[in-house]
Each structure stands twice: as C-alpha cells, then as structure tokens.
C-alpha cells in the first residue's frame, strides 16, 4: 500500500487508519489528552514522571492496535483511538514490568488490585476493547472524539459484536452513554480515583 492510499479517509469520513510508522505522533496526542486524566495523574502526579512513563504506558496498554490496523486518527492527529479487536489484549507483561519499575512503591499494591478488578469486568464473550481514546486539549469540543467513536462502532455493529472500555474520567461518561455504552460497575480501590467499566452491545 502506498502513502497516498494510507492517508485516504476511511469510508469518506474524517477518520484515517494509523500505521505503525504513525505510532509516535499518535501516542503524543493521547499523552496530551491524558495530561489531566484523574487516574494517570494520580499514578504519576509529577510532570516529569508522567512525560517519561506515560508513552510507555500507552504503548503497553493500547499499542497492539497499530499492528492490527485498529488504530485511528482524525485530521492532523487531533484525536486518536486505539482499539484492540477480539482476541487481542494489552501487553500485560510490558505493562506489569513498567508499573513495577516506574510506579511509586506506595501505590503499587493499589494498582495491582485495580488491574485485578479490571480483569474481572472484562466480558467473557469476544469483544472490542477501547483501552485509549483522546483528543488534543487544544482541539477538544470540536467533535473529534465523536467521529472516532462513531467510525469504529459502526463497523463493530456491522459485525454484530460487543465493545468494552474502562472510563477513567467521569466527565466523559455522557459521551460514551450517547454512543450506547452502559456502566456495569465501579472499580474503586483505596485512594485511587474510580474507574467505570462500560459495555456496549451491538446496534445500540
């Protein structure tokens, strides 16, 4: 596939498919988007630590999307979504290694419990997992997040499959609910901010 084909919009929308060579710039967008995220900034409150370890976290949690052709972006990488298709999971070994090495020791036991509860809420049936979606803060409110969600959810509906995510920021709940996601619980451990597992069944 040549560069012109790669950069063509998908299905005549403003959403494009990211390739492995796009990973760095896509991860930069997500890092910016999560710069005030309650959970990641609880983990790495110090700016230097967040900027150092945040990209590694994003790569471990959602980086497999680039190799599976399920990473998407809007114009100028204003927004990025990393989807993991059924049967594809985060790099758990890489994620655990990063947290053991880079998380504040006092928070590590809490993180391990959070990860255990996240695993509990994951659907048993085959599903699409949205580990990360974000919009550059300077571009938020322009509809990029909605474009990213709509694009992939339409394809998931065509397949008759389920989608799942963990919402780290309650401010995003109305957006996810508008696209048919439903909260199925709350992950709350010690002093960590809550996570909200959300599921979406097809044709919602």
Protein backbone atom coordinates (compact mmCIF):
# COMPACT_ATOMS: atom_id res chain seq x y z
CA UNK A 1 0.00 0.00 0.00
CA UNK A 2 1.48 3.37 -0.95
CA UNK A 3 1.47 6.52 1.18
CA UNK A 4 -1.41 8.09 -0.73
CA UNK A 5 -3.58 5.06 -0.08
CA UNK A 6 -2.65 5.03 3.60
CA UNK A 7 -3.67 8.65 4.07
CA UNK A 8 -7.05 8.38 2.34
CA UNK A 9 -10.01 8.92 4.67
CA UNK A 10 -11.85 5.77 5.75
CA UNK A 11 -15.34 5.38 4.35
CA UNK A 12 -15.45 9.05 3.29
CA UNK A 13 -15.20 10.28 6.87
CA UNK A 14 -12.56 12.41 8.56
CA UNK A 15 -11.11 9.32 10.24
CA UNK A 16 -7.93 7.68 9.00
CA UNK A 17 -6.24 4.39 9.77
CA UNK A 18 -2.93 4.77 11.58
CA UNK A 19 0.05 2.63 10.64
CA UNK A 20 2.98 1.54 12.82
CA UNK A 21 5.03 4.48 11.50
CA UNK A 22 2.35 6.82 12.92
CA UNK A 23 2.67 5.42 16.44
CA UNK A 24 4.88 8.14 17.90
CA UNK A 25 2.72 11.08 16.83
CA UNK A 26 -0.47 9.22 17.77
CA UNK A 27 0.89 8.43 21.22
CA UNK A 28 1.85 12.09 21.64
CA UNK A 29 -1.78 13.08 21.04
CA UNK A 30 -3.03 10.60 23.61
CA UNK A 31 -0.42 11.72 26.11
CA UNK A 32 -1.63 15.31 25.75
CA UNK A 33 -5.23 14.19 26.04
CA UNK A 34 -4.48 12.37 29.30
CA UNK A 35 -2.39 15.16 30.82
CA UNK A 36 -5.17 15.89 33.33
CA UNK A 37 -6.63 12.38 33.48
CA UNK A 38 -7.63 11.58 37.08
CA UNK A 39 -6.18 8.09 37.09
CA UNK A 40 -2.91 8.56 35.22
CA UNK A 41 -2.11 11.77 37.08
CA UNK A 42 -2.85 10.06 40.39
CA UNK A 43 -0.31 7.45 39.34
CA UNK A 44 2.26 9.96 38.08
CA UNK A 45 1.47 13.29 39.68
CA UNK A 46 4.91 14.65 38.87
CA UNK A 47 5.05 16.11 35.37
CA UNK A 48 8.48 14.68 34.61
CA UNK A 49 7.39 11.17 35.61
CA UNK A 50 4.18 11.45 33.59
CA UNK A 51 6.03 12.61 30.48
CA UNK A 52 8.68 9.92 30.92
CA UNK A 53 6.46 6.93 31.61
CA UNK A 54 3.16 7.95 30.01
CA UNK A 55 4.20 7.00 26.45
CA UNK A 56 5.40 3.60 27.65
CA UNK A 57 2.09 3.04 29.42
CA UNK A 58 0.14 3.97 26.27
CA UNK A 59 2.27 1.63 24.16
CA UNK A 60 1.83 -1.28 26.57
CA UNK A 61 -1.89 -0.73 27.07
CA UNK A 62 -3.01 0.01 23.53
CA UNK A 63 -0.02 -0.21 21.22
CA UNK A 64 -1.06 -3.50 19.62
CA UNK A 65 -3.72 -1.52 17.76
CA UNK A 66 -1.06 -0.27 15.34
CA UNK A 67 -0.10 -3.80 14.28
CA UNK A 68 -3.75 -4.87 13.97
CA UNK A 69 -4.87 -1.94 11.77
CA UNK A 70 -7.26 -0.81 14.52
CA UNK A 71 -5.62 2.50 15.43
CA UNK A 72 -7.41 5.54 14.03
CA UNK A 73 -6.89 9.30 13.94
CA UNK A 74 -8.64 12.44 12.82
CA UNK A 75 -7.14 15.21 10.70
CA UNK A 76 -3.68 16.34 11.84
CA UNK A 77 -3.80 13.72 14.60
CA UNK A 78 -6.12 15.97 16.57
CA UNK A 79 -7.71 12.85 18.02
CA UNK A 80 -6.64 9.21 18.27
CA UNK A 81 -8.36 5.98 19.23
CA UNK A 82 -6.62 2.68 19.87
CA UNK A 83 -8.93 -0.33 19.60
CA UNK A 84 -7.99 -3.93 20.32
CA UNK A 85 -10.07 -6.37 18.26
CA UNK A 86 -11.47 -9.61 19.69
CA UNK A 87 -8.71 -11.91 20.86
CA UNK A 88 -6.10 -9.14 21.13
CA UNK A 89 -5.11 -7.97 24.61
CA UNK A 90 -2.84 -5.31 26.09
CA UNK A 91 0.81 -6.18 26.55
CA UNK A 92 0.29 -7.38 30.10
CA UNK A 93 3.91 -8.37 30.63
CA UNK A 94 5.13 -4.98 29.45
CA UNK A 95 2.53 -3.16 31.50
CA UNK A 96 3.38 -5.02 34.71
CA UNK A 97 7.09 -4.52 34.12
CA UNK A 98 6.57 -0.77 33.65
CA UNK A 99 4.43 -0.40 36.76
CA UNK A 100 6.80 -2.41 38.92
CA UNK A 101 9.68 -0.26 37.72
CA UNK A 102 8.08 3.18 37.50
CA UNK A 103 5.05 3.37 39.79
CA UNK A 104 5.53 4.94 43.23
CA UNK A 105 6.09 1.97 45.57
CA UNK A 106 3.34 3.15 47.91
CA UNK A 107 0.81 2.94 45.07
CA UNK A 108 1.86 -0.39 43.59
CA UNK A 109 -0.38 -2.63 45.78
CA UNK A 110 -3.38 -0.45 44.88
CA UNK A 111 -2.51 -0.69 41.19
CA UNK A 112 -2.31 -4.46 41.33
CA UNK A 113 -5.78 -4.59 42.88
CA UNK A 114 -7.11 -2.20 40.23
CA UNK A 115 -5.71 -4.43 37.47
CA UNK A 116 -7.26 -7.48 39.07
CA UNK A 117 -10.67 -5.82 39.19
CA UNK A 118 -10.30 -4.62 35.59
CA UNK A 119 -9.74 -8.21 34.56
CA UNK A 120 -12.88 -9.23 36.46
CA UNK A 121 -15.08 -6.83 34.49
CA UNK A 122 -13.81 -7.71 31.02
CA UNK A 123 -16.57 -9.51 29.09
CA UNK A 124 -16.21 -13.25 28.68
CA UNK A 125 -17.51 -13.14 25.12
CA UNK A 126 -15.33 -11.92 22.22
CA UNK A 127 -15.32 -8.14 22.26
CA UNK A 128 -13.61 -4.99 21.02
CA UNK A 129 -11.65 -3.24 23.77
CA UNK A 130 -11.07 0.51 23.65
CA UNK A 131 -8.13 0.98 26.02
CA UNK A 132 -7.39 4.55 24.93
CA UNK A 133 -9.09 7.36 23.04
CA UNK A 134 -8.13 11.01 23.33
CA UNK A 135 -8.22 14.42 21.72
CA UNK A 136 -5.54 17.10 21.90
CA UNK A 137 -6.79 19.51 24.62
CA UNK A 138 -6.40 22.43 22.19
CA UNK A 139 -8.87 20.69 19.83
CA UNK A 140 -11.39 19.33 22.32
CA UNK A 141 -15.01 20.27 21.79
CA UNK A 142 -14.70 20.04 18.00
CA UNK A 143 -16.31 16.63 17.63
CA UNK A 144 -13.17 14.60 17.02
CA UNK A 145 -13.91 12.15 19.82
CA UNK A 146 -17.39 11.54 18.46
CA UNK A 147 -16.03 10.97 14.94
CA UNK A 148 -13.58 8.38 16.23
CA UNK A 149 -16.19 6.53 18.25
CA UNK A 150 -18.83 6.60 15.53
CA UNK A 151 -16.46 5.31 12.86
CA UNK A 152 -15.38 2.17 14.67
CA UNK A 153 -18.68 1.46 16.42
CA UNK A 154 -20.45 1.40 13.05
CA UNK A 155 -18.08 -1.33 11.92
CA UNK A 156 -18.49 -3.21 15.21
CA UNK A 157 -22.27 -3.06 14.78
CA UNK A 158 -21.97 -4.42 11.25
CA UNK A 159 -20.12 -7.37 12.73
CA UNK A 160 -22.72 -7.78 15.48
CA UNK A 161 -20.04 -7.61 18.17
CA UNK A 162 -19.63 -6.12 21.64
CA UNK A 163 -17.48 -3.14 22.66
CA UNK A 164 -15.95 -2.50 26.07
CA UNK A 165 -13.93 0.23 27.78
CA UNK A 166 -12.80 1.45 31.18
CA UNK A 167 -13.71 5.11 31.62
CA UNK A 168 -11.09 6.90 33.72
CA UNK A 169 -12.81 10.29 33.71
CA UNK A 170 -16.46 10.81 34.77
CA UNK A 171 -16.59 13.92 32.54
CA UNK A 172 -16.54 11.56 29.54
CA UNK A 173 -19.48 9.45 30.71
CA UNK A 174 -22.16 11.39 28.77
CA UNK A 175 -20.20 10.95 25.53
CA UNK A 176 -19.88 7.22 25.97
CA UNK A 177 -23.50 6.87 27.01
CA UNK A 178 -24.58 8.78 23.92
CA UNK A 179 -22.92 6.07 21.85
CA UNK A 180 -24.67 3.28 23.72
CA UNK A 181 -22.15 2.34 26.40
CA UNK A 182 -23.59 1.37 29.79
CA UNK A 183 -21.80 1.39 33.14
CA UNK A 184 -21.55 -2.10 34.60
CA UNK A 185 -19.74 -1.28 37.82
CA UNK A 186 -17.18 0.86 39.59
CA UNK A 187 -13.57 -0.03 40.32
CA UNK A 188 -12.62 1.82 43.49
CA UNK A 189 -9.52 0.80 45.43
CA UNK A 190 -8.11 2.71 48.41
CA UNK A 191 -7.11 6.22 47.34
CA UNK A 192 -7.11 5.61 43.59
CA UNK A 193 -9.66 7.52 41.51
CA UNK A 194 -12.59 5.37 40.38
CA UNK A 195 -12.70 3.57 37.07
CA UNK A 196 -16.02 2.89 35.36
CA UNK A 197 -16.21 -0.28 33.23
CA UNK A 198 -18.66 0.26 30.38
CA UNK A 199 -20.07 -2.15 27.82
CA UNK A 200 -21.91 -1.67 24.55
CA UNK A 201 -23.88 -4.38 22.86
CA UNK A 202 -24.34 -4.27 19.06
CA UNK A 203 -26.89 -1.99 17.41
CA UNK A 204 -27.35 0.22 20.46
